[in-house]
Amino acid sequence: MLCAGNSKGATSDAKGFYKLQLPVGNQTINSSCIGRVSTTRNLNLYSDGKLDVDMEIMVNILEGAEVVAHGKEILDR
């Protein structure tokens, strides 16, 4: 999560939650996560508060994929 126009940002904790402290006024928040659609929110902050941002899952359909595996031969014991 990143606030446009300044260097404030945050990463999620182990449970996926963010905590970001911003000054009162107009702010633009950009949220992105692997496998999710990026979102931009324009906020007018008056005081302390909480904002829940739901992020839409992004599905990438592959037309073809190649899987290559490398390993060692397993010997019977």
Protein backbone atom coordinates (compact mmCIF):
# COMPACT_ATOMS: atom_id res chain seq x y z
CA MET A 1 0.00 0.00 0.00
CA LEU A 2 1.44 3.36 -0.99
CA CYS A 3 0.27 6.92 -0.58
CA ALA A 4 0.83 8.89 -3.81
CA GLY A 5 2.58 12.23 -3.42
CA ASN A 6 4.71 11.28 -0.43
CA SER A 7 6.98 8.47 0.65
CA LYS A 8 4.55 6.82 3.10
CA GLY A 9 3.74 3.19 2.50
CA ALA A 10 3.14 -0.09 4.28
CA THR A 11 3.35 -3.82 3.74
CA SER A 12 0.91 -6.32 5.17
CA ASP A 13 1.44 -8.24 8.37
CA ALA A 14 1.22 -12.05 8.62
CA LYS A 15 -2.61 -11.87 8.52
CA GLY A 16 -2.74 -9.55 5.49
CA PHE A 17 -3.56 -6.33 7.35
CA TYR A 18 -1.98 -2.93 6.70
CA LYS A 19 -1.45 0.01 9.04
CA LEU A 20 -0.65 3.37 7.50
CA GLN A 21 -0.64 6.74 9.28
CA LEU A 22 -1.39 9.73 7.06
CA PRO A 23 -1.96 13.43 7.72
CA VAL A 24 -5.41 15.04 7.55
CA GLY A 25 -6.39 16.18 4.03
CA ASN A 26 -6.74 14.75 0.55
CA GLN A 27 -4.77 11.53 -0.01
CA THR A 28 -4.53 9.02 -2.85
CA ILE A 29 -3.89 5.43 -1.77
CA ASN A 30 -2.61 2.79 -4.21
CA SER A 31 -3.02 -0.85 -3.18
CA SER A 32 -1.44 -3.79 -4.98
CA CYS A 33 -0.85 -7.44 -4.25
CA ILE A 34 0.29 -10.42 -6.31
CA GLY A 35 -2.76 -12.16 -7.74
CA ARG A 36 -5.07 -9.19 -7.08
CA VAL A 37 -6.26 -6.26 -9.19
CA SER A 38 -4.51 -3.03 -8.15
CA THR A 39 -6.82 -0.35 -6.72
CA THR A 40 -6.59 3.42 -6.27
CA ARG A 41 -8.67 5.28 -3.68
CA ASN A 42 -9.00 9.03 -3.27
CA LEU A 43 -9.58 9.92 0.38
CA ASN A 44 -10.37 13.12 2.25
CA LEU A 45 -9.15 12.46 5.79
CA TYR A 46 -10.71 14.51 8.60
CA SER A 47 -9.50 12.56 11.63
CA ASP A 48 -8.44 9.09 12.77
CA GLY A 49 -10.34 6.28 11.15
CA LYS A 50 -10.35 2.89 9.52
CA LEU A 51 -10.74 1.97 5.86
CA ASP A 52 -11.40 -1.55 4.61
CA VAL A 53 -10.21 -2.13 1.03
CA ASP A 54 -11.50 -5.24 -0.70
CA MET A 55 -9.23 -6.35 -3.52
CA GLU A 56 -10.60 -8.27 -6.49
CA ILE A 57 -8.88 -11.53 -7.44
CA MET A 58 -7.12 -11.35 -10.80
CA VAL A 59 -7.31 -14.51 -12.88
CA ASN A 60 -4.67 -15.08 -15.55
CA ILE A 61 -5.60 -17.81 -18.00
CA LEU A 62 -2.62 -19.42 -19.68
CA GLU A 63 -2.98 -20.81 -23.17
CA GLY A 64 -0.14 -23.19 -22.57
CA ALA A 65 2.48 -23.90 -19.98
CA GLU A 66 5.67 -25.88 -19.88
CA VAL A 67 6.73 -27.54 -16.65
CA VAL A 68 10.37 -28.56 -16.34
CA ALA A 69 11.64 -30.54 -13.37
CA HIS A 70 15.19 -31.45 -12.48
CA GLY A 71 16.08 -34.01 -9.85
CA LYS A 72 18.29 -36.84 -8.80
CA GLU A 73 17.59 -40.50 -9.18
CA ILE A 74 16.20 -42.07 -6.00
CA LEU A 75 17.91 -45.35 -5.06
CA ASP A 76 16.06 -48.19 -3.34
CA ARG A 77 17.34 -48.89 0.14
